[in-house]
PDB file of N, CA and C in Angstrom:
ATOM      1  N   UNK A   1     -47.687 -27.235 -29.106  1.00  0.00           N
ATOM      2  CA  UNK A   1     -47.543 -28.476 -29.739  1.00  0.00           C
ATOM      3  C   UNK A   1     -47.373 -27.637 -31.086  1.00  0.00           C
ATOM      4  N   UNK A   2     -46.206 -28.619 -31.726  1.00  0.00           N
ATOM      5  CA  UNK A   2     -46.351 -28.104 -33.374  1.00  0.00           C
ATOM      6  C   UNK A   2     -44.960 -29.171 -33.728  1.00  0.00           C
ATOM      7  N   UNK A   3     -45.229 -29.036 -35.179  1.00  0.00           N
ATOM      8  CA  UNK A   3     -44.256 -29.567 -35.928  1.00  0.00           C
ATOM      9  C   UNK A   3     -43.553 -28.750 -37.140  1.00  0.00           C
ATOM     10  N   UNK A   4     -43.115 -29.091 -38.045  1.00  0.00           N
ATOM     11  CA  UNK A   4     -42.913 -28.221 -39.248  1.00  0.00           C
ATOM     12  C   UNK A   4     -43.741 -27.946 -39.963  1.00  0.00           C
ATOM     13  N   UNK A   5     -44.635 -28.709 -40.142  1.00  0.00           N
ATOM     14  CA  UNK A   5     -45.905 -28.057 -41.221  1.00  0.00           C
ATOM     15  C   UNK A   5     -47.259 -27.619 -40.446  1.00  0.00           C
ATOM     16  N   UNK A   6     -47.444 -27.829 -38.986  1.00  0.00           N
ATOM     17  CA  UNK A   6     -48.759 -27.206 -38.518  1.00  0.00           C
ATOM     18  C   UNK A   6     -48.430 -27.118 -36.838  1.00  0.00           C
ATOM     19  N   UNK A   7     -49.610 -26.204 -36.127  1.00  0.00           N
ATOM     20  CA  UNK A   7     -49.221 -25.969 -34.874  1.00  0.00           C
ATOM     21  C   UNK A   7     -50.758 -26.365 -34.228  1.00  0.00           C
ATOM     22  N   UNK A   8     -50.496 -26.127 -32.934  1.00  0.00           N
ATOM     23  CA  UNK A   8     -51.831 -26.516 -32.424  1.00  0.00           C
ATOM     24  C   UNK A   8     -51.801 -25.295 -31.142  1.00  0.00           C
ATOM     25  N   UNK A   9     -53.192 -24.489 -31.250  1.00  0.00           N
ATOM     26  CA  UNK A   9     -53.172 -23.309 -30.110  1.00  0.00           C
ATOM     27  C   UNK A   9     -54.791 -23.812 -29.324  1.00  0.00           C
ATOM     28  N   UNK A  10     -54.791 -23.023 -28.365  1.00  0.00           N
ATOM     29  CA  UNK A  10     -56.186 -23.215 -27.509  1.00  0.00           C
ATOM     30  C   UNK A  10     -57.096 -22.099 -27.970  1.00  0.00           C
ATOM     31  N   UNK A  11     -58.379 -22.683 -28.414  1.00  0.00           N
ATOM     32  CA  UNK A  11     -59.322 -21.205 -28.883  1.00  0.00           C
ATOM     33  C   UNK A  11     -59.487 -20.017 -28.210  1.00  0.00           C
ATOM     34  N   UNK A  12     -58.975 -19.295 -28.977  1.00  0.00           N
ATOM     35  CA  UNK A  12     -59.687 -17.924 -28.076  1.00  0.00           C
ATOM     36  C   UNK A  12     -60.850 -17.503 -27.552  1.00  0.00           C
ATOM     37  N   UNK A  13     -61.737 -18.391 -28.357  1.00  0.00           N
ATOM     38  CA  UNK A  13     -63.299 -18.113 -27.950  1.00  0.00           C
ATOM     39  C   UNK A  13     -63.932 -19.708 -27.950  1.00  0.00           C
ATOM     40  N   UNK A  14     -63.435 -20.308 -26.895  1.00  0.00           N
ATOM     41  CA  UNK A  14     -63.691 -21.709 -26.765  1.00  0.00           C
ATOM     42  C   UNK A  14     -65.355 -22.293 -26.545  1.00  0.00           C
ATOM     43  N   UNK A  15     -65.525 -23.032 -27.658  1.00  0.00           N
ATOM     44  CA  UNK A  15     -67.054 -23.704 -27.278  1.00  0.00           C
ATOM     45  C   UNK A  15     -67.211 -24.580 -26.148  1.00  0.00           C
ATOM     46  N   UNK A  16     -66.137 -25.485 -25.993  1.00  0.00           N
ATOM     47  CA  UNK A  16     -65.781 -26.325 -24.700  1.00  0.00           C
ATOM     48  C   UNK A  16     -64.653 -26.071 -24.228  1.00  0.00           C
ATOM     49  N   UNK A  17     -64.335 -26.630 -22.683  1.00  0.00           N
ATOM     50  CA  UNK A  17     -62.966 -26.543 -22.247  1.00  0.00           C
ATOM     51  C   UNK A  17     -62.233 -27.367 -23.122  1.00  0.00           C
ATOM     52  N   UNK A  18     -60.894 -26.816 -23.060  1.00  0.00           N
ATOM     53  CA  UNK A  18     -59.807 -27.586 -24.087  1.00  0.00           C
ATOM     54  C   UNK A  18     -60.042 -27.411 -25.266  1.00  0.00           C
ATOM     55  N   UNK A  19     -60.820 -26.491 -26.144  1.00  0.00           N
ATOM     56  CA  UNK A  19     -61.313 -26.693 -27.255  1.00  0.00           C
ATOM     57  C   UNK A  19     -59.974 -25.805 -28.208  1.00  0.00           C
ATOM     58  N   UNK A  20     -59.741 -26.696 -29.036  1.00  0.00           N
ATOM     59  CA  UNK A  20     -57.996 -26.335 -29.672  1.00  0.00           C
ATOM     60  C   UNK A  20     -58.354 -26.188 -31.526  1.00  0.00           C
ATOM     61  N   UNK A  21     -57.446 -25.494 -31.956  1.00  0.00           N
ATOM     62  CA  UNK A  21     -57.304 -25.445 -33.349  1.00  0.00           C
ATOM     63  C   UNK A  21     -56.053 -26.099 -33.786  1.00  0.00           C
ATOM     64  N   UNK A  22     -56.061 -26.762 -34.824  1.00  0.00           N
ATOM     65  CA  UNK A  22     -54.564 -27.427 -35.175  1.00  0.00           C
ATOM     66  C   UNK A  22     -54.712 -26.885 -36.881  1.00  0.00           C
ATOM     67  N   UNK A  23     -53.488 -25.661 -36.940  1.00  0.00           N
ATOM     68  CA  UNK A  23     -53.485 -25.112 -38.015  1.00  0.00           C
ATOM     69  C   UNK A  23     -52.428 -25.245 -38.918  1.00  0.00           C
ATOM     70  N   UNK A  24     -51.919 -25.067 -40.292  1.00  0.00           N
ATOM     71  CA  UNK A  24     -51.099 -25.487 -41.263  1.00  0.00           C
ATOM     72  C   UNK A  24     -50.298 -23.999 -41.235  1.00  0.00           C
ATOM     73  N   UNK A  25     -48.961 -24.291 -41.336  1.00  0.00           N
ATOM     74  CA  UNK A  25     -48.319 -23.500 -41.116  1.00  0.00           C
ATOM     75  C   UNK A  25     -47.979 -22.860 -42.550  1.00  0.00           C
ATOM     76  N   UNK A  26     -48.572 -23.494 -43.688  1.00  0.00           N
ATOM     77  CA  UNK A  26     -48.691 -22.905 -45.150  1.00  0.00           C
ATOM     78  C   UNK A  26     -49.866 -22.544 -45.197  1.00  0.00           C
ATOM     79  N   UNK A  27     -50.332 -21.132 -45.472  1.00  0.00           N
ATOM     80  CA  UNK A  27     -51.651 -20.556 -45.938  1.00  0.00           C
ATOM     81  C   UNK A  27     -52.050 -21.102 -46.843  1.00  0.00           C
ATOM     82  N   UNK A  28     -53.610 -21.917 -46.994  1.00  0.00           N
ATOM     83  CA  UNK A  28     -54.148 -22.117 -47.834  1.00  0.00           C
ATOM     84  C   UNK A  28     -55.479 -21.548 -47.914  1.00  0.00           C
ATOM     85  N   UNK A  29     -56.292 -21.677 -48.878  1.00  0.00           N
ATOM     86  CA  UNK A  29     -57.742 -21.226 -48.675  1.00  0.00           C
ATOM     87  C   UNK A  29     -58.785 -22.295 -47.969  1.00  0.00           C
ATOM     88  N   UNK A  30     -58.690 -23.742 -48.195  1.00  0.00           N
ATOM     89  CA  UNK A  30     -59.308 -24.680 -48.309  1.00  0.00           C
ATOM     90  C   UNK A  30     -58.472 -25.665 -47.869  1.00  0.00           C
ATOM     91  N   UNK A  31     -59.067 -26.827 -47.033  1.00  0.00           N
ATOM     92  CA  UNK A  31     -58.134 -27.835 -46.592  1.00  0.00           C
ATOM     93  C   UNK A  31     -57.685 -28.794 -48.027  1.00  0.00           C
ATOM     94  N   UNK A  32     -58.636 -28.808 -48.785  1.00  0.00           N
ATOM     95  CA  UNK A  32     -58.278 -29.436 -49.868  1.00  0.00           C
ATOM     96  C   UNK A  32     -57.234 -28.993 -50.697  1.00  0.00           C
ATOM     97  N   UNK A  33     -56.518 -27.806 -50.490  1.00  0.00           N
ATOM     98  CA  UNK A  33     -55.234 -27.275 -50.919  1.00  0.00           C
ATOM     99  C   UNK A  33     -54.022 -28.111 -50.407  1.00  0.00           C
ATOM    100  N   UNK A  34     -54.534 -28.445 -49.167  1.00  0.00           N
ATOM    101  CA  UNK A  34     -53.252 -29.110 -48.169  1.00  0.00           C
ATOM    102  C   UNK A  34     -52.830 -30.150 -48.923  1.00  0.00           C
ATOM    103  N   UNK A  35     -51.297 -30.300 -48.943  1.00  0.00           N
ATOM    104  CA  UNK A  35     -50.642 -31.431 -49.365  1.00  0.00           C
ATOM    105  C   UNK A  35     -50.570 -32.803 -48.637  1.00  0.00           C
ATOM    106  N   UNK A  36     -50.340 -33.971 -49.112  1.00  0.00           N
ATOM    107  CA  UNK A  36     -50.405 -35.081 -48.345  1.00  0.00           C
ATOM    108  C   UNK A  36     -49.441 -35.266 -47.098  1.00  0.00           C
ATOM    109  N   UNK A  37     -48.214 -34.601 -47.279  1.00  0.00           N
ATOM    110  CA  UNK A  37     -47.400 -34.366 -45.910  1.00  0.00           C
ATOM    111  C   UNK A  37     -47.935 -33.506 -44.618  1.00  0.00           C
ATOM    112  N   UNK A  38     -48.821 -32.400 -45.595  1.00  0.00           N
ATOM    113  CA  UNK A  38     -49.692 -31.379 -44.223  1.00  0.00           C
ATOM    114  C   UNK A  38     -50.688 -32.307 -43.886  1.00  0.00           C
ATOM    115  N   UNK A  39     -51.670 -32.969 -44.303  1.00  0.00           N
ATOM    116  CA  UNK A  39     -52.423 -33.588 -43.851  1.00  0.00           C
ATOM    117  C   UNK A  39     -51.767 -34.557 -43.153  1.00  0.00           C
ATOM    118  N   UNK A  40     -50.959 -35.327 -43.113  1.00  0.00           N
ATOM    119  CA  UNK A  40     -50.347 -36.383 -42.256  1.00  0.00           C
ATOM    120  C   UNK A  40     -49.886 -35.652 -41.079  1.00  0.00           C
ATOM    121  N   UNK A  41     -49.661 -34.774 -41.291  1.00  0.00           N
ATOM    122  CA  UNK A  41     -48.830 -33.792 -40.011  1.00  0.00           C
ATOM    123  C   UNK A  41     -49.986 -33.379 -39.063  1.00  0.00           C
ATOM    124  N   UNK A  42     -50.965 -32.833 -39.790  1.00  0.00           N
ATOM    125  CA  UNK A  42     -52.562 -32.534 -38.597  1.00  0.00           C
ATOM    126  C   UNK A  42     -52.894 -33.695 -38.182  1.00  0.00           C
ATOM    127  N   UNK A  43     -53.004 -34.931 -38.858  1.00  0.00           N
ATOM    128  CA  UNK A  43     -53.379 -36.108 -37.911  1.00  0.00           C
ATOM    129  C   UNK A  43     -53.012 -36.605 -36.941  1.00  0.00           C
ATOM    130  N   UNK A  44     -51.133 -36.600 -37.229  1.00  0.00           N
ATOM    131  CA  UNK A  44     -49.998 -36.862 -36.084  1.00  0.00           C
ATOM    132  C   UNK A  44     -50.441 -35.982 -34.767  1.00  0.00           C
ATOM    133  N   UNK A  45     -50.816 -34.676 -35.194  1.00  0.00           N
ATOM    134  CA  UNK A  45     -50.857 -33.700 -34.244  1.00  0.00           C
ATOM    135  C   UNK A  45     -52.197 -34.106 -33.554  1.00  0.00           C
ATOM    136  N   UNK A  46     -53.240 -34.307 -34.079  1.00  0.00           N
ATOM    137  CA  UNK A  46     -54.473 -34.582 -33.757  1.00  0.00           C
ATOM    138  C   UNK A  46     -54.287 -35.934 -32.641  1.00  0.00           C
ATOM    139  N   UNK A  47     -53.636 -36.904 -32.972  1.00  0.00           N
ATOM    140  CA  UNK A  47     -53.530 -38.122 -32.090  1.00  0.00           C
ATOM    141  C   UNK A  47     -52.834 -37.498 -30.932  1.00  0.00           C
ATOM    142  N   UNK A  48     -51.952 -37.130 -30.790  1.00  0.00           N
ATOM    143  CA  UNK A  48     -51.066 -36.532 -29.676  1.00  0.00           C
ATOM    144  C   UNK A  48     -52.018 -35.635 -29.048  1.00  0.00           C
ATOM    145  N   UNK A  49     -52.878 -34.728 -29.420  1.00  0.00           N
ATOM    146  CA  UNK A  49     -53.696 -33.902 -28.814  1.00  0.00           C
ATOM    147  C   UNK A  49     -54.360 -34.273 -28.052  1.00  0.00           C
ATOM    148  N   UNK A  50     -55.537 -35.429 -28.934  1.00  0.00           N
ATOM    149  CA  UNK A  50     -56.325 -36.708 -28.025  1.00  0.00           C
ATOM    150  C   UNK A  50     -55.679 -36.911 -27.100  1.00  0.00           C
ATOM    151  N   UNK A  51     -54.552 -37.307 -27.108  1.00  0.00           N
ATOM    152  CA  UNK A  51     -53.961 -38.417 -25.766  1.00  0.00           C
ATOM    153  C   UNK A  51     -53.945 -37.145 -24.575  1.00  0.00           C
ATOM    154  N   UNK A  52     -53.082 -35.803 -25.014  1.00  0.00           N
ATOM    155  CA  UNK A  52     -53.009 -35.117 -24.281  1.00  0.00           C
ATOM    156  C   UNK A  52     -54.136 -34.651 -23.339  1.00  0.00           C
ATOM    157  N   UNK A  53     -54.975 -34.558 -24.234  1.00  0.00           N
ATOM    158  CA  UNK A  53     -56.644 -33.772 -23.575  1.00  0.00           C
ATOM    159  C   UNK A  53     -57.211 -35.236 -22.515  1.00  0.00           C
ATOM    160  N   UNK A  54     -57.058 -36.292 -23.013  1.00  0.00           N
ATOM    161  CA  UNK A  54     -57.531 -37.237 -22.277  1.00  0.00           C
ATOM    162  C   UNK A  54     -56.839 -37.549 -20.788  1.00  0.00           C
ATOM    163  N   UNK A  55     -55.431 -37.048 -20.986  1.00  0.00           N
ATOM    164  CA  UNK A  55     -54.308 -37.284 -19.740  1.00  0.00           C
ATOM    165  C   UNK A  55     -54.857 -36.210 -19.240  1.00  0.00           C
ATOM    166  N   UNK A  56     -55.139 -34.866 -19.329  1.00  0.00           N
ATOM    167  CA  UNK A  56     -55.344 -33.900 -18.829  1.00  0.00           C
ATOM    168  C   UNK A  56     -56.922 -33.829 -18.284  1.00  0.00           C
ATOM    169  N   UNK A  57     -57.794 -34.261 -18.684  1.00  0.00           N
ATOM    170  CA  UNK A  57     -59.126 -34.596 -18.022  1.00  0.00           C
ATOM    171  C   UNK A  57     -59.545 -35.724 -18.241  1.00  0.00           C
ATOM    172  N   UNK A  58     -60.020 -36.784 -17.427  1.00  0.00           N
ATOM    173  CA  UNK A  58     -60.518 -38.467 -17.616  1.00  0.00           C
ATOM    174  C   UNK A  58     -62.188 -38.144 -18.083  1.00  0.00           C
ATOM    175  N   UNK A  59     -62.705 -37.147 -17.530  1.00  0.00           N
ATOM    176  CA  UNK A  59     -64.033 -36.729 -18.019  1.00  0.00           C
ATOM    177  C   UNK A  59     -64.268 -36.577 -19.255  1.00  0.00           C
ATOM    178  N   UNK A  60     -63.641 -36.346 -20.365  1.00  0.00           N
ATOM    179  CA  UNK A  60     -63.606 -36.377 -21.501  1.00  0.00           C
ATOM    180  C   UNK A  60     -64.013 -37.785 -22.173  1.00  0.00           C
ATOM    181  N   UNK A  61     -65.270 -37.647 -22.676  1.00  0.00           N
ATOM    182  CA  UNK A  61     -65.774 -39.073 -23.264  1.00  0.00           C
ATOM    183  C   UNK A  61     -65.863 -39.034 -25.070  1.00  0.00           C
ATOM    184  N   UNK A  62     -65.784 -37.813 -25.758  1.00  0.00           N
ATOM    185  CA  UNK A  62     -65.659 -37.777 -27.030  1.00  0.00           C
ATOM    186  C   UNK A  62     -65.172 -36.670 -27.345  1.00  0.00           C
ATOM    187  N   UNK A  63     -65.058 -36.708 -28.988  1.00  0.00           N
ATOM    188  CA  UNK A  63     -64.355 -34.955 -29.483  1.00  0.00           C
ATOM    189  C   UNK A  63     -65.229 -34.918 -30.756  1.00  0.00           C
ATOM    190  N   UNK A  64     -65.109 -33.637 -31.054  1.00  0.00           N
ATOM    191  CA  UNK A  64     -65.506 -33.146 -31.987  1.00  0.00           C
ATOM    192  C   UNK A  64     -64.657 -32.638 -33.281  1.00  0.00           C
ATOM    193  N   UNK A  65     -64.557 -33.086 -34.464  1.00  0.00           N
ATOM    194  CA  UNK A  65     -63.374 -32.660 -35.331  1.00  0.00           C
ATOM    195  C   UNK A  65     -64.210 -31.888 -36.520  1.00  0.00           C
ATOM    196  N   UNK A  66     -63.944 -30.677 -36.286  1.00  0.00           N
ATOM    197  CA  UNK A  66     -64.552 -30.026 -37.625  1.00  0.00           C
ATOM    198  C   UNK A  66     -63.512 -29.184 -38.557  1.00  0.00           C
ATOM    199  N   UNK A  67     -64.030 -28.499 -39.374  1.00  0.00           N
ATOM    200  CA  UNK A  67     -63.053 -27.621 -40.412  1.00  0.00           C
ATOM    201  C   UNK A  67     -64.046 -26.467 -41.238  1.00  0.00           C
ATOM    202  N   UNK A  68     -63.234 -25.548 -41.287  1.00  0.00           N
ATOM    203  CA  UNK A  68     -63.763 -24.370 -41.970  1.00  0.00           C
ATOM    204  C   UNK A  68     -63.079 -24.332 -43.038  1.00  0.00           C
ATOM    205  N   UNK A  69     -63.756 -24.303 -44.218  1.00  0.00           N
ATOM    206  CA  UNK A  69     -63.368 -24.104 -45.473  1.00  0.00           C
ATOM    207  C   UNK A  69     -63.873 -22.669 -46.416  1.00  0.00           C
ATOM    208  N   UNK A  70     -63.320 -21.898 -46.568  1.00  0.00           N
ATOM    209  CA  UNK A  70     -63.358 -21.017 -47.357  1.00  0.00           C
ATOM    210  C   UNK A  70     -63.696 -19.611 -46.424  1.00  0.00           C
TER     211      UNK A  70
END
């Protein structure tokens, strides 16, 4: 899944089943350097991904959302 500003991949070393990463296409060192359209893109993809995961696995009851900075 992707749009013009960000994309989704499954984590290469998943902590849990269906562990995904949402990655901005423009390289920045930290989240705080992202522009508003990039943040909006990430949030839209996150909402779509949440629905996709829930549709794929009805046993999912929660989500952990985290980010790495630096």
